[in-house]
């Protein structure tokens, strides 16, 4: 059965090789080279031991977070086997076994064998102890990767878990955007580590206590002839690997249905059925869409993750820049950064809907597309603006940089307006179908939107060029508040213009949009001309460039 699943995995991988996978393999190759460089070039045994503890901790952190960023740890999903007459626990264990059979885990094992080199420097006995220690470390790291990824999806079933997942995603995005602050110091420290090690301090003590350092301790103790501690550290490493395998196999076991978030049900007698609920929204198609979107962004965990993670990312970016003497001037613009990230995160709204878009298709009227697009734009602004404004107030108050107010407000108007237009246009044209909402399990089941993200990274700054130029020139001229009307006009015009394009596109291709969600990329490509308009080419690029995470038959 394991051989069958491995063959199935490779067959699926041959048809779903993406750019993110190439980038991941390049980073793993780089990490393998650096690990062996540290092991071979360390000036003494103590420094080599410290550097291996550091390298293994980085490997574990990378495997824990990397698959979430790269949209998955493997191509086999437990839902594929939910209805087969197989023992579920055994299927979970077999699915975990398939994760180890890949280029990335193989290179990780090569990097971990640097510990065998470390033991061989001391004695043959230490090298022999290193062999099972390396295998335990390798199993632990790969199992932890799948455990974190699957546990993140399981956490989405509660509001507390969704908030925890949002914090993790926010931290990841903050590091992706402002991790370059640590690149230069890290490079300088890397050159010094080979000669000096970690030195005395809390960093070395914390790394020595991590489970990823236990195999190193086992080899070091064996080299010193302390066989009791050596066997103890080795047994602890093997026990940890066993526990991770058992827990991860249980999480990977297929389930017949995916449980939704528990909602509090109001008793029938709590409110008279004849008394309609009061609403501030107009009793029009536009008001209906706004209300629907606000409820979905609040109730749907996969939608809520996008908004909350953007707010947390803005908070973390503000804290990172505020704590840095060199980049503290960026802290007041944490709210603008949050608006920018939110535009990237919400660029796949129709992919979030799943097959529920059928309701819009069957009820289509001449004004349906207009109400749908404008209602979604208003809803996302209503959700994002208060949080971004609160972040701006917080960090301007913390830094005392009240000079930044005109620039921050100008940026918020421009970025939110342009982002509301761009995210809707990409949601229509570059839609990426994911797992249908009723069947979602993992945290990024709502669709792969890497094409939308890369396009937004280039298009959003370009759409705000008038505001940037006005802020720079009027700021130099001593009249920064004069740029505020430019920012308002820039954001409003881009939102209306791109929203109008999205509206026309959706009105003309609403059935095709649903077909793309329901039946996947192969069917969607048949409805696109080979050489069509710019929007047709953009849609074809998104169909072929994004990975398809929708299970067949969902």
Protein backbone atom coordinates (compact mmCIF):
# COMPACT_ATOMS: atom_id res chain seq x y z
CA UNK A 1 0.00 0.00 0.00
CA UNK A 2 2.86 2.38 0.79
CA UNK A 3 4.41 1.71 -2.62
CA UNK A 4 1.07 2.42 -4.32
CA UNK A 5 0.68 5.73 -2.47
CA UNK A 6 4.26 6.77 -3.25
CA UNK A 7 3.75 6.04 -6.94
CA UNK A 8 0.49 8.01 -6.85
CA UNK A 9 2.29 10.91 -5.20
CA UNK A 10 5.00 11.04 -7.86
CA UNK A 11 2.40 10.79 -10.62
CA UNK A 12 0.58 13.82 -9.20
CA UNK A 13 3.84 15.73 -8.69
CA UNK A 14 4.79 15.30 -12.33
CA UNK A 15 1.64 17.23 -13.28
CA UNK A 16 1.85 19.91 -10.60
CA UNK A 17 5.45 21.15 -10.57
CA UNK A 18 5.33 24.84 -9.55
CA UNK A 19 7.78 27.69 -9.15
CA UNK A 20 7.38 27.63 -5.36
CA UNK A 21 8.61 24.05 -5.34
CA UNK A 22 11.69 25.02 -7.35
CA UNK A 23 12.41 27.86 -4.93
CA UNK A 24 11.97 25.53 -1.96
CA UNK A 25 14.41 23.00 -3.40
CA UNK A 26 16.95 25.77 -4.04
CA UNK A 27 16.70 26.92 -0.43
CA UNK A 28 17.06 23.34 0.85
CA UNK A 29 20.19 22.90 -1.28
CA UNK A 30 21.60 26.12 0.15
CA UNK A 31 20.82 24.98 3.70
CA UNK A 32 22.47 21.59 3.09
CA UNK A 33 25.62 23.30 1.85
CA UNK A 34 25.73 25.70 4.80
CA UNK A 35 25.24 22.86 7.31
CA UNK A 36 28.17 20.90 5.90
CA UNK A 37 30.24 24.08 5.64
CA UNK A 38 29.78 24.71 9.37
CA UNK A 39 30.58 21.07 10.19
CA UNK A 40 33.77 20.93 8.14
CA UNK A 41 35.19 24.42 8.68
CA UNK A 42 34.58 24.84 12.43
CA UNK A 43 37.83 25.67 14.24
CA UNK A 44 37.32 23.16 17.06
CA UNK A 45 34.98 20.48 18.33
CA UNK A 46 33.09 22.74 20.75
CA UNK A 47 32.33 25.30 18.04
CA UNK A 48 31.21 22.53 15.67
CA UNK A 49 28.82 21.20 18.31
CA UNK A 50 27.29 24.65 18.85
CA UNK A 51 26.94 25.30 15.12
CA UNK A 52 25.22 21.95 14.54
CA UNK A 53 22.75 22.76 17.32
CA UNK A 54 22.02 26.07 15.58
CA UNK A 55 21.73 24.46 12.13
CA UNK A 56 19.35 21.72 13.27
CA UNK A 57 17.12 24.26 15.05
CA UNK A 58 16.93 26.31 11.83
CA UNK A 59 16.10 23.16 9.85
CA UNK A 60 13.24 22.33 12.23
CA UNK A 61 11.85 25.88 12.11
CA UNK A 62 12.10 25.96 8.31
CA UNK A 63 10.26 22.66 7.92
CA UNK A 64 7.61 23.76 10.42
CA UNK A 65 6.84 27.05 8.64
CA UNK A 66 7.95 26.42 5.04
CA UNK A 67 5.11 24.12 3.88
CA UNK A 68 2.52 26.60 5.15
CA UNK A 69 4.12 29.38 3.10
CA UNK A 70 4.57 27.13 0.06
CA UNK A 71 0.91 26.03 0.12
CA UNK A 72 1.22 22.47 1.28
CA UNK A 73 3.54 19.67 2.34
CA UNK A 74 2.51 17.09 -0.20
CA UNK A 75 0.08 16.30 -2.96
CA UNK A 76 -1.77 13.45 -1.25
CA UNK A 77 -4.66 14.59 0.91
CA UNK A 78 -6.44 12.44 3.46
CA UNK A 79 -9.84 13.32 1.93
CA UNK A 80 -8.94 11.27 -1.15
CA UNK A 81 -9.22 8.09 0.96
CA UNK A 82 -12.09 9.02 3.29
CA UNK A 83 -14.66 6.77 1.61
CA UNK A 84 -12.40 3.78 0.94
CA UNK A 85 -12.78 0.64 3.11
CA UNK A 86 -9.38 1.10 4.77
CA UNK A 87 -8.30 1.39 8.38
CA UNK A 88 -8.06 5.13 8.96
CA UNK A 89 -5.12 5.01 11.36
CA UNK A 90 -3.14 2.91 8.92
CA UNK A 91 -3.93 5.33 6.09
CA UNK A 92 -2.70 8.21 8.26
CA UNK A 93 0.58 6.39 8.91
CA UNK A 94 0.99 5.60 5.20
CA UNK A 95 0.32 9.22 4.24
CA UNK A 96 3.04 10.28 6.69
CA UNK A 97 5.40 7.73 5.14
CA UNK A 98 4.91 9.27 1.69
CA UNK A 99 6.08 12.66 3.01
CA UNK A 100 9.58 11.24 3.61
CA UNK A 101 9.94 10.08 0.00
CA UNK A 102 10.83 13.31 -1.76
CA UNK A 103 13.84 15.39 -2.78
CA UNK A 104 13.48 17.85 0.10
CA UNK A 105 13.48 15.24 2.90
CA UNK A 106 16.33 13.41 1.16
CA UNK A 107 18.46 16.58 1.14
CA UNK A 108 17.51 17.20 4.76
CA UNK A 109 18.84 13.74 5.63
CA UNK A 110 22.08 14.57 3.81
CA UNK A 111 22.38 17.75 5.90
CA UNK A 112 21.68 15.83 9.13
CA UNK A 113 24.47 13.34 8.37
CA UNK A 114 26.90 16.15 9.20
CA UNK A 115 26.38 14.87 12.75
CA UNK A 116 28.00 11.56 11.69
CA UNK A 117 31.03 13.56 10.52
CA UNK A 118 31.04 15.31 13.89
CA UNK A 119 31.09 11.94 15.66
CA UNK A 120 33.72 10.44 13.37
CA UNK A 121 36.11 13.26 14.31
CA UNK A 122 36.05 11.90 17.88
CA UNK A 123 35.85 8.11 17.48
CA UNK A 124 34.18 5.26 15.65
CA UNK A 125 31.87 4.67 18.64
CA UNK A 126 30.65 8.27 18.57
CA UNK A 127 30.01 7.96 14.82
CA UNK A 128 27.97 4.80 15.42
CA UNK A 129 25.87 6.62 18.02
CA UNK A 130 25.35 9.43 15.51
CA UNK A 131 23.67 7.14 12.97
CA UNK A 132 20.46 6.40 14.95
CA UNK A 133 20.58 9.96 16.32
CA UNK A 134 20.51 11.33 12.77
CA UNK A 135 17.59 9.10 11.82
CA UNK A 136 15.63 10.18 14.93
CA UNK A 137 16.33 13.84 14.18
CA UNK A 138 15.30 13.44 10.53
CA UNK A 139 12.06 11.67 11.39
CA UNK A 140 11.24 14.27 14.04
CA UNK A 141 11.80 17.24 11.72
CA UNK A 142 9.75 15.86 8.82
CA UNK A 143 6.94 14.63 11.08
CA UNK A 144 6.90 18.03 12.84
CA UNK A 145 6.46 19.69 9.47
CA UNK A 146 3.34 17.72 8.66
CA UNK A 147 2.07 17.99 12.25
CA UNK A 148 2.27 21.79 12.28
CA UNK A 149 0.63 22.08 8.88
CA UNK A 150 -2.22 19.74 9.77
CA UNK A 151 -2.66 21.14 13.29
CA UNK A 152 -2.98 24.61 11.82
CA UNK A 153 -5.92 23.40 9.75
CA UNK A 154 -7.46 21.65 12.75
CA UNK A 155 -7.15 24.88 14.76
CA UNK A 156 -9.39 26.60 12.22
CA UNK A 157 -12.38 24.79 13.70
CA UNK A 158 -12.54 27.19 16.67
CA UNK A 159 -12.31 30.95 16.93
CA UNK A 160 -9.41 30.74 19.38
CA UNK A 161 -7.57 28.39 17.05
CA UNK A 162 -8.27 30.69 14.11
CA UNK A 163 -6.79 33.61 16.05
CA UNK A 164 -3.69 31.56 16.88
CA UNK A 165 -3.35 30.65 13.21
CA UNK A 166 -3.75 34.31 12.30
CA UNK A 167 -0.94 35.29 14.66
CA UNK A 168 1.34 32.68 13.06
CA UNK A 169 0.44 33.79 9.53
CA UNK A 170 0.90 37.44 10.53
CA UNK A 171 4.35 36.75 11.90
CA UNK A 172 5.31 34.85 8.74
CA UNK A 173 4.17 37.73 6.50
CA UNK A 174 5.93 40.30 8.69
CA UNK A 175 9.18 38.35 8.35
CA UNK A 176 8.69 38.00 4.60
CA UNK A 177 8.23 41.76 4.20
CA UNK A 178 10.75 43.04 6.73
CA UNK A 179 13.01 40.04 7.31
CA UNK A 180 15.61 41.83 5.19
CA UNK A 181 16.35 43.93 8.28
CA UNK A 182 18.15 40.91 9.71
CA UNK A 183 19.93 39.82 6.52
CA UNK A 184 23.06 41.97 6.83
CA UNK A 185 23.59 41.27 10.57
CA UNK A 186 22.96 37.57 9.93
CA UNK A 187 25.55 37.43 7.14
CA UNK A 188 28.11 39.19 9.30
CA UNK A 189 27.36 36.85 12.21
CA UNK A 190 27.61 33.77 9.95
CA UNK A 191 31.20 34.61 9.04
CA UNK A 192 32.09 35.00 12.72
CA UNK A 193 30.26 31.85 13.86
CA UNK A 194 32.72 29.54 12.13
CA UNK A 195 35.54 30.86 14.27
CA UNK A 196 33.86 31.85 17.54
CA UNK A 197 30.71 29.75 17.79
CA UNK A 198 27.72 31.08 19.69
CA UNK A 199 29.72 32.19 22.69
CA UNK A 200 28.42 32.34 26.23
CA UNK A 201 24.94 33.69 26.76
CA UNK A 202 21.25 32.89 26.62
CA UNK A 203 21.28 32.04 22.91
CA UNK A 204 23.57 29.07 23.36
CA UNK A 205 21.71 27.90 26.45
CA UNK A 206 18.32 28.04 24.71
CA UNK A 207 19.61 26.18 21.65
CA UNK A 208 21.20 23.51 23.85
CA UNK A 209 17.84 22.88 25.53
CA UNK A 210 15.91 22.41 22.29
CA UNK A 211 15.00 18.84 21.27
CA UNK A 212 16.87 19.33 17.99
CA UNK A 213 20.10 19.52 20.04
CA UNK A 214 19.56 16.20 21.84
CA UNK A 215 21.23 14.11 19.09
CA UNK A 216 24.28 16.42 19.27
CA UNK A 217 24.43 15.95 23.04
CA UNK A 218 24.27 12.17 22.58
CA UNK A 219 27.25 12.19 20.21
CA UNK A 220 29.24 14.58 22.40
CA UNK A 221 28.60 12.43 25.49
CA UNK A 222 29.61 9.26 23.60
CA UNK A 223 32.84 10.95 22.49
CA UNK A 224 33.62 11.77 26.12
CA UNK A 225 32.98 8.15 27.19
CA UNK A 226 29.86 9.08 29.21
CA UNK A 227 27.71 6.25 27.90
CA UNK A 228 24.90 6.74 30.40
CA UNK A 229 24.10 10.32 29.29
CA UNK A 230 24.78 9.36 25.66
CA UNK A 231 22.21 6.58 25.70
CA UNK A 232 19.80 8.81 27.65
CA UNK A 233 19.96 11.61 25.05
CA UNK A 234 19.64 9.04 22.25
CA UNK A 235 16.62 7.41 23.89
CA UNK A 236 14.99 10.80 24.38
CA UNK A 237 15.49 11.61 20.67
CA UNK A 238 14.00 8.28 19.59
CA UNK A 239 11.07 8.70 22.00
CA UNK A 240 10.36 12.19 20.66
CA UNK A 241 10.41 10.93 17.07
CA UNK A 242 8.02 8.10 18.00
CA UNK A 243 5.57 10.46 19.71
CA UNK A 244 5.60 12.86 16.75
CA UNK A 245 4.96 9.98 14.33
CA UNK A 246 2.02 8.66 16.36
CA UNK A 247 0.40 12.08 16.84
CA UNK A 248 0.92 13.12 13.22
CA UNK A 249 -0.45 9.82 11.89
CA UNK A 250 -3.58 10.34 13.96
CA UNK A 251 -4.05 13.86 12.58
CA UNK A 252 -3.53 12.65 9.01
CA UNK A 253 -6.16 9.91 9.35
CA UNK A 254 -9.00 10.68 6.90
CA UNK A 255 -12.39 11.80 8.15
CA UNK A 256 -15.71 11.37 6.40
CA UNK A 257 -16.74 14.99 6.91
CA UNK A 258 -15.01 18.20 7.93
CA UNK A 259 -16.58 19.73 10.98
CA UNK A 260 -17.47 23.38 10.71
CA UNK A 261 -17.07 25.96 13.40
CA UNK A 262 -19.57 25.66 16.18
CA UNK A 263 -22.02 28.49 16.17
CA UNK A 264 -24.31 29.49 18.94
CA UNK A 265 -27.87 28.82 17.93
CA UNK A 266 -30.55 31.22 19.07
CA UNK A 267 -33.68 29.52 20.45
CA UNK A 268 -36.71 29.92 18.26
CA UNK A 269 -38.58 31.75 20.97
CA UNK A 270 -35.82 34.29 21.61
CA UNK A 271 -37.10 36.60 18.88
CA UNK A 272 -40.54 36.71 17.28
CA UNK A 273 -40.38 35.40 13.74
CA UNK A 274 -42.56 38.26 12.48
CA UNK A 275 -40.17 40.96 13.70
CA UNK A 276 -37.37 41.51 11.17
CA UNK A 277 -33.87 42.23 12.42
CA UNK A 278 -32.85 45.85 12.24
CA UNK A 279 -30.06 46.65 9.82
CA UNK A 280 -28.17 49.80 8.94
CA UNK A 281 -27.74 48.54 5.38
CA UNK A 282 -30.17 49.53 2.61
CA UNK A 283 -32.77 47.04 1.45
CA UNK A 284 -31.18 46.75 -2.00
CA UNK A 285 -28.99 44.22 -3.85
CA UNK A 286 -25.94 46.30 -2.86
CA UNK A 287 -26.94 46.22 0.81
CA UNK A 288 -27.56 42.47 0.62
CA UNK A 289 -24.07 41.84 -0.78
CA UNK A 290 -22.44 44.05 1.86
CA UNK A 291 -24.27 42.22 4.64
CA UNK A 292 -23.47 38.81 3.18
CA UNK A 293 -19.79 39.67 2.80
CA UNK A 294 -19.46 41.09 6.31
CA UNK A 295 -20.98 37.95 7.78
CA UNK A 296 -18.79 35.68 5.67
CA UNK A 297 -15.59 37.53 6.55
CA UNK A 298 -16.53 37.18 10.20
CA UNK A 299 -17.88 33.60 10.26
CA UNK A 300 -15.77 31.78 7.67
CA UNK A 301 -12.45 30.81 9.31
CA UNK A 302 -10.58 30.77 6.00
CA UNK A 303 -11.77 34.27 5.15
CA UNK A 304 -11.23 35.56 8.67
CA UNK A 305 -7.68 34.27 8.57
CA UNK A 306 -6.85 36.61 5.67
CA UNK A 307 -8.07 39.78 7.41
CA UNK A 308 -6.77 38.95 10.88
CA UNK A 309 -3.37 37.85 9.59
CA UNK A 310 -3.01 41.18 7.76
CA UNK A 311 -3.73 43.08 10.97
CA UNK A 312 -1.28 40.96 12.96
CA UNK A 313 1.35 41.40 10.22
CA UNK A 314 0.95 45.18 10.44
CA UNK A 315 1.36 45.00 14.21
CA UNK A 316 4.49 42.83 14.01
CA UNK A 317 6.02 45.01 11.30
CA UNK A 318 5.42 48.07 13.45
CA UNK A 319 7.05 46.39 16.45
CA UNK A 320 10.03 45.17 14.39
CA UNK A 321 10.73 48.58 12.92
CA UNK A 322 10.02 50.43 16.18
CA UNK A 323 12.63 48.30 17.99
CA UNK A 324 15.27 49.07 15.35
CA UNK A 325 17.25 52.29 15.57
CA UNK A 326 17.99 52.20 11.85
CA UNK A 327 14.44 51.56 10.59
CA UNK A 328 12.30 53.19 13.31
CA UNK A 329 11.01 55.79 10.84
CA UNK A 330 8.98 53.00 9.17
CA UNK A 331 6.98 52.28 12.32
CA UNK A 332 4.35 55.06 11.84
CA UNK A 333 3.46 53.48 8.48
CA UNK A 334 2.44 50.13 10.02
CA UNK A 335 -1.20 50.85 9.10
CA UNK A 336 -0.29 51.55 5.47
CA UNK A 337 1.67 48.30 5.37
CA UNK A 338 -1.35 46.50 6.82
CA UNK A 339 -3.53 47.96 4.02
CA UNK A 340 -0.99 46.79 1.44
CA UNK A 341 -0.91 43.23 2.82
CA UNK A 342 -4.70 43.13 3.03
CA UNK A 343 -4.92 43.94 -0.68
CA UNK A 344 -2.66 40.95 -1.38
CA UNK A 345 -4.60 38.65 0.94
CA UNK A 346 -8.06 39.45 -0.44
CA UNK A 347 -7.22 38.99 -4.13
CA UNK A 348 -9.09 35.67 -4.37
CA UNK A 349 -12.55 36.45 -2.98
CA UNK A 350 -14.50 34.36 -5.48
CA UNK A 351 -12.14 31.46 -4.84
CA UNK A 352 -13.17 31.70 -1.17
CA UNK A 353 -16.83 31.40 -2.17
CA UNK A 354 -16.41 28.01 -3.77
CA UNK A 355 -19.45 26.51 -5.46
CA UNK A 356 -21.73 28.88 -3.49
CA UNK A 357 -21.24 31.20 -6.47
CA UNK A 358 -23.96 29.06 -8.09
CA UNK A 359 -26.53 31.12 -6.19
CA UNK A 360 -25.33 34.24 -7.96
CA UNK A 361 -25.34 32.48 -11.32
CA UNK A 362 -28.92 31.26 -11.13
CA UNK A 363 -30.16 34.61 -9.80
CA UNK A 364 -28.25 36.79 -12.25
CA UNK A 365 -29.95 40.03 -13.27
CA UNK A 366 -28.63 43.04 -15.19
CA UNK A 367 -27.41 44.73 -11.98
CA UNK A 368 -26.09 41.57 -10.25
CA UNK A 369 -22.43 41.96 -11.19
CA UNK A 370 -22.36 45.64 -10.25
CA UNK A 371 -23.92 45.04 -6.84
CA UNK A 372 -21.66 42.05 -6.20
CA UNK A 373 -18.41 43.87 -7.04
CA UNK A 374 -19.23 47.15 -5.30
CA UNK A 375 -20.64 45.36 -2.25
CA UNK A 376 -17.46 43.35 -1.83
CA UNK A 377 -15.33 46.46 -2.17
CA UNK A 378 -17.31 48.29 0.51
CA UNK A 379 -17.26 45.28 2.85
CA UNK A 380 -13.50 44.82 2.69
CA UNK A 381 -12.98 48.54 3.33
CA UNK A 382 -15.34 48.42 6.31
CA UNK A 383 -13.32 45.55 7.75
CA UNK A 384 -9.83 46.83 7.04
CA UNK A 385 -9.87 50.58 7.55
CA UNK A 386 -10.58 50.64 11.32
CA UNK A 387 -7.75 48.22 12.12
CA UNK A 388 -5.21 49.97 9.90
CA UNK A 389 -6.18 53.35 11.34
CA UNK A 390 -5.80 51.98 14.89
CA UNK A 391 -2.31 50.69 14.05
CA UNK A 392 -1.38 54.10 12.67
CA UNK A 393 -2.58 55.86 15.82
CA UNK A 394 -0.73 53.35 18.02
CA UNK A 395 2.69 53.63 16.39
CA UNK A 396 2.56 57.36 15.76
CA UNK A 397 1.80 57.73 19.45
CA UNK A 398 4.61 55.35 20.46
CA UNK A 399 7.21 57.01 18.26
CA UNK A 400 5.97 60.56 18.72
CA UNK A 401 6.29 61.03 14.95
CA UNK A 402 3.28 63.33 14.52
CA UNK A 403 4.91 64.73 11.39
CA UNK A 404 3.85 61.47 9.68
CA UNK A 405 0.09 62.09 9.95
CA UNK A 406 -0.41 63.68 6.50
CA UNK A 407 1.72 61.00 4.83
CA UNK A 408 -0.01 58.15 6.69
CA UNK A 409 -3.55 59.36 5.92
CA UNK A 410 -2.62 60.03 2.30
CA UNK A 411 -1.15 56.53 2.02
CA UNK A 412 -4.16 54.88 3.66
CA UNK A 413 -6.60 56.50 1.23
CA UNK A 414 -4.49 55.61 -1.80
CA UNK A 415 -3.57 52.03 -0.82
CA UNK A 416 -7.03 51.04 0.43
CA UNK A 417 -8.71 52.50 -2.64
CA UNK A 418 -6.29 51.01 -5.16
CA UNK A 419 -6.24 47.73 -3.23
CA UNK A 420 -10.04 47.48 -3.21
CA UNK A 421 -10.09 47.85 -6.98
CA UNK A 422 -7.11 45.59 -7.71
CA UNK A 423 -8.18 42.80 -5.36
CA UNK A 424 -11.65 42.62 -6.95
CA UNK A 425 -10.26 42.62 -10.47
CA UNK A 426 -7.80 39.83 -9.69
CA UNK A 427 -10.50 37.93 -7.79
CA UNK A 428 -12.56 37.84 -10.99
CA UNK A 429 -9.89 37.46 -13.66
CA UNK A 430 -7.21 35.46 -11.81
CA UNK A 431 -9.58 33.40 -9.67
CA UNK A 432 -7.94 30.38 -8.08
CA UNK A 433 -10.40 27.68 -6.95
CA UNK A 434 -9.60 25.90 -3.73
CA UNK A 435 -11.26 23.20 -1.71
CA UNK A 436 -14.98 23.80 -1.44
CA UNK A 437 -15.79 25.43 1.94
CA UNK A 438 -17.68 22.41 3.26
CA UNK A 439 -14.62 20.17 2.68
CA UNK A 440 -11.78 22.41 3.86
CA UNK A 441 -9.32 20.88 6.30
CA UNK A 442 -5.93 22.58 5.96
CA UNK A 443 -5.19 26.24 6.60
CA UNK A 444 -4.55 27.16 2.95
CA UNK A 445 -7.36 25.12 1.38
CA UNK A 446 -8.99 28.29 0.07
CA UNK A 447 -6.82 28.31 -3.05
CA UNK A 448 -3.31 29.01 -4.27
CA UNK A 449 -3.05 32.72 -5.09
CA UNK A 450 0.65 33.17 -5.80
CA UNK A 451 -0.05 34.69 -9.23
CA UNK A 452 -2.37 37.27 -7.68
CA UNK A 453 0.22 38.09 -5.00
CA UNK A 454 3.05 38.64 -7.49
CA UNK A 455 0.84 40.74 -9.74
CA UNK A 456 -0.34 42.81 -6.79
CA UNK A 457 3.22 43.38 -5.58
CA UNK A 458 3.95 45.09 -8.89
CA UNK A 459 0.58 46.63 -9.77
CA UNK A 460 -0.39 48.11 -6.40
CA UNK A 461 2.66 50.41 -6.07
CA UNK A 462 2.26 51.47 -9.71
CA UNK A 463 -1.37 52.42 -9.15
CA UNK A 464 -0.29 54.65 -6.23
CA UNK A 465 2.47 56.50 -8.12
CA UNK A 466 0.53 59.82 -8.31
CA UNK A 467 0.09 59.80 -4.54
CA UNK A 468 3.74 58.98 -3.91
CA UNK A 469 4.94 61.74 -6.21
CA UNK A 470 2.56 64.27 -4.66
CA UNK A 471 3.61 63.30 -1.13
CA UNK A 472 7.31 63.59 -1.98
CA UNK A 473 7.20 66.89 -3.84
CA UNK A 474 4.64 68.59 -1.61
CA UNK A 475 6.45 67.31 1.47
CA UNK A 476 9.69 68.84 0.25
CA UNK A 477 7.80 72.03 -0.46
CA UNK A 478 6.57 72.09 3.14
CA UNK A 479 2.90 71.39 2.38
CA UNK A 480 2.43 67.64 3.09
CA UNK A 481 -1.29 68.04 3.85
CA UNK A 482 -1.84 69.21 0.28
CA UNK A 483 -1.10 65.64 -0.87
CA UNK A 484 -4.14 64.29 0.98
CA UNK A 485 -6.67 65.23 -1.76
CA UNK A 486 -4.38 63.58 -4.29
CA UNK A 487 -4.38 60.37 -2.24
CA UNK A 488 -8.17 60.44 -1.91
CA UNK A 489 -8.66 61.02 -5.63
CA UNK A 490 -6.05 58.39 -6.54
CA UNK A 491 -7.65 55.70 -4.39
CA UNK A 492 -11.22 56.54 -5.39
CA UNK A 493 -10.53 56.63 -9.14
CA UNK A 494 -8.54 53.38 -9.16
CA UNK A 495 -11.21 51.63 -7.06
CA UNK A 496 -13.99 52.77 -9.39
CA UNK A 497 -12.07 52.08 -12.60
CA UNK A 498 -10.75 48.61 -11.73
CA UNK A 499 -14.08 47.75 -10.10
CA UNK A 500 -15.85 48.73 -13.31
CA UNK A 501 -13.55 46.44 -15.32
CA UNK A 502 -14.16 43.60 -12.85
CA UNK A 503 -17.90 44.22 -13.03
CA UNK A 504 -17.98 44.00 -16.84
CA UNK A 505 -15.81 40.91 -16.83
CA UNK A 506 -17.96 39.15 -14.23
CA UNK A 507 -21.21 40.07 -15.99
CA UNK A 508 -19.95 38.64 -19.26
CA UNK A 509 -18.37 35.47 -17.85
CA UNK A 510 -20.29 34.59 -14.69
CA UNK A 511 -21.17 31.01 -15.80
CA UNK A 512 -17.55 30.46 -16.92
CA UNK A 513 -16.35 31.74 -13.54
CA UNK A 514 -18.50 29.19 -11.76
CA UNK A 515 -17.33 26.46 -14.14
CA UNK A 516 -13.74 27.25 -13.26
CA UNK A 517 -14.51 26.85 -9.55
CA UNK A 518 -16.55 23.68 -9.95
CA UNK A 519 -14.57 21.74 -12.54
CA UNK A 520 -10.99 23.03 -12.30
CA UNK A 521 -8.35 24.35 -14.66
CA UNK A 522 -8.60 21.78 -17.44
CA UNK A 523 -12.23 22.65 -18.16
CA UNK A 524 -11.65 26.38 -17.59
CA UNK A 525 -8.92 26.55 -20.25
CA UNK A 526 -11.37 25.36 -22.92
CA UNK A 527 -13.50 28.50 -22.53
CA UNK A 528 -10.56 30.87 -23.10
CA UNK A 529 -9.33 31.87 -26.55
CA UNK A 530 -5.70 31.09 -27.32
CA UNK A 531 -4.99 34.70 -28.29
CA UNK A 532 -7.53 36.86 -26.60
CA UNK A 533 -7.52 40.18 -24.80
CA UNK A 534 -5.15 41.20 -22.04
CA UNK A 535 -7.63 39.96 -19.44
CA UNK A 536 -7.91 36.62 -21.26
CA UNK A 537 -4.13 36.22 -21.20
CA UNK A 538 -4.05 37.19 -17.53
CA UNK A 539 -6.71 34.60 -16.74
CA UNK A 540 -4.83 31.93 -18.67
CA UNK A 541 -1.64 32.81 -16.76
CA UNK A 542 -3.43 32.47 -13.44
CA UNK A 543 -5.01 29.14 -14.43
CA UNK A 544 -1.69 27.63 -15.48
CA UNK A 545 0.47 29.35 -12.83
CA UNK A 546 -1.49 28.69 -9.64
CA UNK A 547 -1.50 25.26 -8.10
CA UNK A 548 -4.88 23.53 -8.01
CA UNK A 549 -5.74 22.53 -4.45
CA UNK A 550 -9.34 21.53 -5.17
CA UNK A 551 -9.74 17.75 -4.66
CA UNK A 552 -11.37 16.00 -7.57
CA UNK A 553 -15.09 15.66 -7.03
CA UNK A 554 -15.39 18.29 -4.30
